[in-house]
Amino acid sequence: MVTTIQLNENVKKALFDLKTEKETYEQIILKLMKDSEETKRKQTELMIEGCREMYDDMLEINKEWEAVDSDIDWEWK
């Protein structure tokens, strides 16, 4: 089914600037949607990777503090 959508003139011009001679507006919109989904997926992967690295760093820092803590005879008054 084909439908008509309303676009502001600046949006239509931006879409026109993105398309090549043989591409349709639908192909351009689908390509933009695919690119957006790919960007979201990559951002999610980077955030997960960053959290894992921070977790590893926190474990290392904790080990270092445990070593220092065992060397010192703490007295709380």
N, C-alpha and C. Protein backbone atom coordinates (compact mmCIF):
# COMPACT_ATOMS: atom_id res chain seq x y z
N MET A 1 0.85 -1.18 0.00
CA MET A 1 0.00 0.00 0.00
C MET A 1 0.90 1.24 0.00
N VAL A 2 0.61 2.15 -0.84
CA VAL A 2 1.33 3.41 -0.94
C VAL A 2 0.54 4.47 -0.20
N THR A 3 1.25 5.31 0.52
CA THR A 3 0.58 6.38 1.26
C THR A 3 1.34 7.68 1.06
N THR A 4 0.70 8.75 1.40
CA THR A 4 1.30 10.08 1.29
C THR A 4 1.56 10.59 2.70
N ILE A 5 2.72 11.20 2.89
CA ILE A 5 3.02 11.82 4.17
C ILE A 5 3.35 13.29 3.94
N GLN A 6 3.10 14.09 4.95
CA GLN A 6 3.39 15.51 4.84
C GLN A 6 4.75 15.78 5.48
N LEU A 7 5.57 16.53 4.77
CA LEU A 7 6.89 16.92 5.25
C LEU A 7 7.06 18.41 5.11
N ASN A 8 7.77 19.00 6.04
CA ASN A 8 8.16 20.40 5.87
C ASN A 8 9.11 20.49 4.68
N GLU A 9 9.15 21.62 4.09
CA GLU A 9 9.99 21.82 2.89
C GLU A 9 11.47 21.55 3.20
N ASN A 10 11.94 21.94 4.41
CA ASN A 10 13.34 21.72 4.75
C ASN A 10 13.66 20.23 4.92
N VAL A 11 12.68 19.44 5.38
CA VAL A 11 12.89 18.00 5.51
C VAL A 11 12.94 17.37 4.12
N LYS A 12 12.05 17.79 3.25
CA LYS A 12 12.04 17.27 1.88
C LYS A 12 13.36 17.59 1.18
N LYS A 13 13.87 18.80 1.38
CA LYS A 13 15.15 19.17 0.76
C LYS A 13 16.29 18.34 1.32
N ALA A 14 16.28 18.10 2.64
CA ALA A 14 17.33 17.28 3.25
C ALA A 14 17.30 15.86 2.70
N LEU A 15 16.11 15.29 2.55
CA LEU A 15 15.98 13.96 1.96
C LEU A 15 16.46 13.96 0.51
N PHE A 16 16.09 15.00 -0.21
CA PHE A 16 16.51 15.11 -1.61
C PHE A 16 18.03 15.17 -1.72
N ASP A 17 18.66 15.90 -0.81
CA ASP A 17 20.12 16.03 -0.82
C ASP A 17 20.81 14.69 -0.51
N LEU A 18 20.14 13.81 0.23
CA LEU A 18 20.72 12.52 0.58
C LEU A 18 20.60 11.49 -0.53
N LYS A 19 19.63 11.66 -1.40
CA LYS A 19 19.37 10.61 -2.38
C LYS A 19 20.24 10.74 -3.61
N THR A 20 20.49 9.59 -4.21
CA THR A 20 21.16 9.57 -5.50
C THR A 20 20.09 9.57 -6.58
N GLU A 21 20.50 9.59 -7.81
CA GLU A 21 19.56 9.69 -8.91
C GLU A 21 18.51 8.58 -8.92
N LYS A 22 18.94 7.37 -8.60
CA LYS A 22 18.03 6.23 -8.74
C LYS A 22 17.36 5.81 -7.43
N GLU A 23 17.69 6.46 -6.32
CA GLU A 23 17.09 6.10 -5.04
C GLU A 23 15.74 6.79 -4.86
N THR A 24 14.84 6.09 -4.22
CA THR A 24 13.55 6.68 -3.88
C THR A 24 13.63 7.26 -2.47
N TYR A 25 12.66 8.09 -2.15
CA TYR A 25 12.61 8.62 -0.79
C TYR A 25 12.43 7.49 0.22
N GLU A 26 11.65 6.48 -0.16
CA GLU A 26 11.46 5.34 0.73
C GLU A 26 12.79 4.64 1.02
N GLN A 27 13.60 4.45 0.00
CA GLN A 27 14.91 3.82 0.20
C GLN A 27 15.80 4.66 1.11
N ILE A 28 15.75 5.96 0.95
CA ILE A 28 16.54 6.86 1.80
C ILE A 28 16.07 6.74 3.25
N ILE A 29 14.77 6.77 3.47
CA ILE A 29 14.23 6.68 4.83
C ILE A 29 14.59 5.34 5.45
N LEU A 30 14.46 4.25 4.70
CA LEU A 30 14.82 2.93 5.21
C LEU A 30 16.30 2.86 5.56
N LYS A 31 17.14 3.46 4.72
CA LYS A 31 18.58 3.48 4.99
C LYS A 31 18.88 4.26 6.27
N LEU A 32 18.22 5.39 6.47
CA LEU A 32 18.40 6.18 7.68
C LEU A 32 17.95 5.41 8.91
N MET A 33 16.84 4.68 8.79
CA MET A 33 16.35 3.88 9.91
C MET A 33 17.35 2.77 10.25
N LYS A 34 17.90 2.13 9.23
CA LYS A 34 18.88 1.06 9.44
C LYS A 34 20.13 1.63 10.11
N ASP A 35 20.60 2.77 9.62
CA ASP A 35 21.78 3.42 10.21
C ASP A 35 21.53 3.78 11.67
N SER A 36 20.33 4.26 11.97
CA SER A 36 19.99 4.63 13.34
C SER A 36 20.01 3.41 14.26
N GLU A 37 19.44 2.31 13.81
CA GLU A 37 19.44 1.08 14.61
C GLU A 37 20.86 0.57 14.82
N GLU A 38 21.69 0.64 13.79
CA GLU A 38 23.08 0.19 13.90
C GLU A 38 23.85 1.07 14.90
N THR A 39 23.60 2.36 14.86
CA THR A 39 24.25 3.27 15.80
C THR A 39 23.83 2.96 17.24
N LYS A 40 22.54 2.71 17.45
CA LYS A 40 22.06 2.35 18.79
C LYS A 40 22.73 1.07 19.28
N ARG A 41 22.83 0.08 18.40
CA ARG A 41 23.44 -1.20 18.77
C ARG A 41 24.91 -1.01 19.14
N LYS A 42 25.63 -0.22 18.35
CA LYS A 42 27.04 0.03 18.64
C LYS A 42 27.21 0.79 19.95
N GLN A 43 26.35 1.77 20.21
CA GLN A 43 26.43 2.53 21.45
C GLN A 43 26.18 1.62 22.65
N THR A 44 25.22 0.72 22.51
CA THR A 44 24.93 -0.22 23.60
C THR A 44 26.13 -1.12 23.85
N GLU A 45 26.74 -1.62 22.78
CA GLU A 45 27.93 -2.48 22.93
C GLU A 45 29.07 -1.71 23.60
N LEU A 46 29.27 -0.46 23.21
CA LEU A 46 30.33 0.35 23.81
C LEU A 46 30.06 0.61 25.29
N MET A 47 28.81 0.87 25.64
CA MET A 47 28.47 1.10 27.05
C MET A 47 28.72 -0.17 27.87
N ILE A 48 28.35 -1.32 27.33
CA ILE A 48 28.57 -2.58 28.04
C ILE A 48 30.06 -2.83 28.21
N GLU A 49 30.82 -2.60 27.15
CA GLU A 49 32.28 -2.78 27.21
C GLU A 49 32.89 -1.83 28.24
N GLY A 50 32.44 -0.58 28.27
CA GLY A 50 32.94 0.38 29.23
C GLY A 50 32.63 -0.03 30.67
N CYS A 51 31.43 -0.54 30.89
CA CYS A 51 31.06 -1.00 32.24
C CYS A 51 31.91 -2.18 32.66
N ARG A 52 32.19 -3.08 31.75
CA ARG A 52 33.04 -4.24 32.07
C ARG A 52 34.45 -3.78 32.44
N GLU A 53 34.98 -2.82 31.69
CA GLU A 53 36.31 -2.30 31.99
C GLU A 53 36.34 -1.61 33.34
N MET A 54 35.30 -0.83 33.64
CA MET A 54 35.24 -0.16 34.94
C MET A 54 35.15 -1.19 36.06
N TYR A 55 34.38 -2.24 35.85
CA TYR A 55 34.25 -3.30 36.85
C TYR A 55 35.61 -3.95 37.11
N ASP A 56 36.33 -4.27 36.04
CA ASP A 56 37.67 -4.86 36.19
C ASP A 56 38.60 -3.92 36.95
N ASP A 57 38.55 -2.63 36.63
CA ASP A 57 39.38 -1.65 37.34
C ASP A 57 39.01 -1.58 38.81
N MET A 58 37.71 -1.63 39.10
CA MET A 58 37.27 -1.57 40.50
C MET A 58 37.74 -2.80 41.27
N LEU A 59 37.70 -3.96 40.65
CA LEU A 59 38.21 -5.17 41.30
C LEU A 59 39.69 -5.06 41.60
N GLU A 60 40.44 -4.52 40.66
CA GLU A 60 41.89 -4.35 40.85
C GLU A 60 42.17 -3.38 41.99
N ILE A 61 41.45 -2.28 42.03
CA ILE A 61 41.62 -1.30 43.11
C ILE A 61 41.27 -1.93 44.44
N ASN A 62 40.20 -2.71 44.48
CA ASN A 62 39.79 -3.38 45.71
C ASN A 62 40.87 -4.33 46.20
N LYS A 63 41.48 -5.07 45.29
CA LYS A 63 42.57 -5.99 45.67
C LYS A 63 43.75 -5.21 46.26
N GLU A 64 44.06 -4.09 45.65
CA GLU A 64 45.17 -3.27 46.15
C GLU A 64 44.86 -2.76 47.56
N TRP A 65 43.65 -2.31 47.79
CA TRP A 65 43.27 -1.83 49.12
C TRP A 65 43.25 -2.95 50.13
N GLU A 66 42.83 -4.13 49.74
CA GLU A 66 42.84 -5.27 50.66
C GLU A 66 44.27 -5.59 51.09
N ALA A 67 45.22 -5.49 50.16
CA ALA A 67 46.62 -5.74 50.49
C ALA A 67 47.13 -4.70 51.48
N VAL A 68 46.78 -3.45 51.28
CA VAL A 68 47.20 -2.38 52.18
C VAL A 68 46.53 -2.58 53.54
N ASP A 69 45.28 -2.91 53.52
CA ASP A 69 44.52 -3.08 54.76
C ASP A 69 45.11 -4.20 55.62
N SER A 70 45.56 -5.28 55.01
CA SER A 70 46.12 -6.39 55.78
C SER A 70 47.49 -6.04 56.37
N ASP A 71 48.19 -5.07 55.78
CA ASP A 71 49.51 -4.66 56.27
C ASP A 71 49.43 -3.70 57.44
N ILE A 72 48.29 -3.04 57.61
CA ILE A 72 48.16 -2.02 58.64
C ILE A 72 47.31 -2.56 59.78
N ASP A 73 47.78 -2.31 61.00
CA ASP A 73 47.02 -2.70 62.18
C ASP A 73 46.13 -1.54 62.57
N TRP A 74 44.87 -1.62 62.14
CA TRP A 74 43.94 -0.52 62.38
C TRP A 74 43.37 -0.62 63.80
N GLU A 75 43.30 0.51 64.44
CA GLU A 75 42.65 0.59 65.74
C GLU A 75 41.61 1.69 65.70
N TRP A 76 40.40 1.32 65.97
CA TRP A 76 39.33 2.31 66.00
C TRP A 76 38.98 2.61 67.44
N LYS A 77 38.98 3.85 67.78
CA LYS A 77 38.68 4.27 69.15
C LYS A 77 37.37 4.95 69.23
